[in-house]
Amino acid sequence: MPLVGRAPRVLRDRTDLMERLRAAVAGPGGDIQVLHGMGGCGKTAVAQAVFTEAVRDHGRVGLWVNASERVSLRAGMLAVAGDRGAAAGELAAAAGGRRAAADLVWHYLDHSAQPWLLVLDNADDPAVLEEGS
């Protein structure tokens, strides 16, 4: 579940965006959506609303990772791999650098029996995402 504050009751001026995101979530999957904008403009609130609907209404497994820094991104993505079925030994190898963590995560997401929605929140610094492990 998202580790964010309470979602606002109303998302103002987000009707078109929410419709596009809802259509993506209701579809077969495989879409990548990027929300961008200045801090405080409501990206997390929109993501949280879509996340809640995807889990509740579309049966998707909701996976939320804080991507504000490499440590939290790496820990969160390894938790995602564990949630999707990675064994303790595989997770330990990835955590210890003996296996590419990104490959492990995407392998288990690609082979998930259940549809999922992954939110990478607070990804303000692209350098945090570029490492890929």
Protein backbone atom coordinates (compact mmCIF):
# COMPACT_ATOMS: atom_id res chain seq x y z
CA MET A 1 0.00 0.00 0.00
CA PRO A 2 1.14 3.56 -0.60
CA LEU A 3 2.94 5.11 2.33
CA VAL A 4 1.50 8.54 1.70
CA GLY A 5 -0.93 10.79 3.49
CA ARG A 6 -4.67 10.62 3.14
CA ALA A 7 -5.88 11.03 -0.43
CA PRO A 8 -7.86 14.17 -1.18
CA ARG A 9 -11.61 13.65 -1.59
CA VAL A 10 -11.66 15.58 -4.84
CA LEU A 11 -8.98 15.80 -7.52
CA ARG A 12 -9.58 19.14 -9.20
CA ASP A 13 -8.91 19.63 -12.91
CA ARG A 14 -7.77 16.04 -13.37
CA THR A 15 -10.77 14.59 -15.28
CA ASP A 16 -8.99 13.95 -18.61
CA LEU A 17 -5.88 12.58 -16.93
CA MET A 18 -7.89 10.27 -14.69
CA GLU A 19 -9.88 8.98 -17.67
CA ARG A 20 -6.67 8.13 -19.56
CA LEU A 21 -5.15 6.41 -16.53
CA ARG A 22 -8.35 4.49 -15.76
CA ALA A 23 -8.47 3.25 -19.36
CA ALA A 24 -4.87 2.07 -19.10
CA VAL A 25 -5.57 0.22 -15.85
CA ALA A 26 -8.75 -1.36 -17.19
CA GLY A 27 -6.97 -2.56 -20.33
CA PRO A 28 -4.79 -5.62 -20.80
CA GLY A 29 -1.75 -3.99 -19.19
CA GLY A 30 1.76 -3.38 -20.37
CA ASP A 31 1.35 0.38 -20.56
CA ILE A 32 3.79 2.76 -18.95
CA GLN A 33 2.42 6.05 -17.72
CA VAL A 34 4.59 8.88 -16.40
CA LEU A 35 3.16 11.67 -14.29
CA HIS A 36 5.40 14.71 -14.18
CA GLY A 37 5.16 18.22 -12.91
CA MET A 38 6.26 20.57 -10.19
CA GLY A 39 6.34 19.38 -6.63
CA GLY A 40 2.98 19.73 -4.91
CA CYS A 41 0.88 19.68 -8.10
CA GLY A 42 -0.87 16.42 -7.18
CA LYS A 43 1.06 13.63 -8.92
CA THR A 44 1.03 11.37 -5.87
CA ALA A 45 -2.65 12.10 -5.21
CA VAL A 46 -3.54 11.09 -8.77
CA ALA A 47 -1.37 7.98 -8.57
CA GLN A 48 -2.93 7.04 -5.24
CA ALA A 49 -6.46 7.40 -6.63
CA VAL A 50 -5.65 5.26 -9.68
CA PHE A 51 -3.82 2.74 -7.51
CA THR A 52 -6.80 2.38 -5.17
CA GLU A 53 -9.21 1.90 -8.07
CA ALA A 54 -6.90 -0.59 -9.82
CA VAL A 55 -6.69 -2.77 -6.72
CA ARG A 56 -10.33 -2.43 -5.70
CA ASP A 57 -12.11 -2.44 -9.07
CA HIS A 58 -9.77 -4.26 -11.45
CA GLY A 59 -8.21 -6.92 -9.24
CA ARG A 60 -4.67 -5.73 -9.86
CA VAL A 61 -1.95 -6.39 -7.32
CA GLY A 62 -0.87 -2.96 -6.14
CA LEU A 63 2.86 -2.39 -5.71
CA TRP A 64 4.10 1.00 -4.48
CA VAL A 65 7.79 1.89 -4.29
CA ASN A 66 9.38 5.07 -3.01
CA ALA A 67 11.92 6.04 -5.68
CA SER A 68 13.23 9.15 -3.96
CA GLU A 69 16.71 7.68 -3.52
CA ARG A 70 18.63 4.59 -4.64
CA VAL A 71 18.39 2.82 -1.29
CA SER A 72 14.61 3.06 -1.04
CA LEU A 73 14.15 2.21 -4.73
CA ARG A 74 16.37 -0.86 -4.48
CA ALA A 75 14.76 -2.08 -1.25
CA GLY A 76 11.29 -1.47 -2.63
CA MET A 77 11.97 -3.25 -5.90
CA LEU A 78 13.45 -6.25 -4.10
CA ALA A 79 10.32 -6.32 -1.95
CA VAL A 80 8.29 -6.34 -5.18
CA ALA A 81 10.30 -9.34 -6.43
CA GLY A 82 9.70 -11.11 -3.13
CA ASP A 83 6.00 -10.35 -3.29
CA ARG A 84 5.80 -11.79 -6.79
CA GLY A 85 7.56 -15.02 -5.80
CA ALA A 86 11.33 -14.59 -5.69
CA ALA A 87 12.97 -16.98 -3.25
CA ALA A 88 14.98 -15.80 -0.25
CA GLY A 89 18.22 -17.00 -1.87
CA GLU A 90 17.52 -15.04 -5.03
CA LEU A 91 16.74 -11.92 -3.05
CA ALA A 92 19.90 -12.32 -0.97
CA ALA A 93 21.99 -12.74 -4.13
CA ALA A 94 20.49 -9.59 -5.64
CA ALA A 95 20.88 -7.63 -2.40
CA GLY A 96 24.51 -8.74 -2.19
CA GLY A 97 25.31 -7.81 -5.77
CA ARG A 98 25.77 -11.39 -6.96
CA ARG A 99 22.74 -11.16 -9.21
CA ALA A 100 21.33 -8.22 -11.15
CA ALA A 101 18.46 -6.96 -9.03
CA ALA A 102 16.66 -5.34 -11.96
CA ASP A 103 16.65 -8.63 -13.88
CA LEU A 104 15.24 -10.45 -10.86
CA VAL A 105 12.46 -7.92 -10.34
CA TRP A 106 11.38 -7.76 -13.96
CA HIS A 107 11.54 -11.54 -14.32
CA TYR A 108 9.04 -12.00 -11.51
CA LEU A 109 6.82 -9.15 -12.67
CA ASP A 110 6.81 -10.54 -16.23
CA HIS A 111 5.85 -13.99 -14.92
CA SER A 112 3.27 -12.85 -12.38
CA ALA A 113 0.06 -14.86 -12.62
CA GLN A 114 -1.91 -11.81 -11.48
CA PRO A 115 -2.15 -8.44 -13.21
CA TRP A 116 -0.30 -5.74 -11.31
CA LEU A 117 0.19 -2.01 -11.07
CA LEU A 118 3.58 -0.69 -10.01
CA VAL A 119 3.90 2.93 -8.91
CA LEU A 120 7.36 4.46 -8.54
CA ASP A 121 6.61 7.50 -6.41
CA ASN A 122 8.88 10.48 -5.77
CA ALA A 123 11.15 9.70 -8.74
CA ASP A 124 12.33 13.30 -8.89
CA ASP A 125 15.95 12.47 -9.78
CA PRO A 126 16.34 10.48 -13.03
CA ALA A 127 19.84 9.42 -11.89
CA VAL A 128 18.22 7.26 -9.21
CA LEU A 129 16.42 5.27 -11.91
CA GLU A 130 19.29 4.92 -14.37
CA GLU A 131 21.38 2.41 -12.45
CA GLY A 132 18.95 -0.42 -13.20
CA SER A 133 20.00 -2.62 -10.34
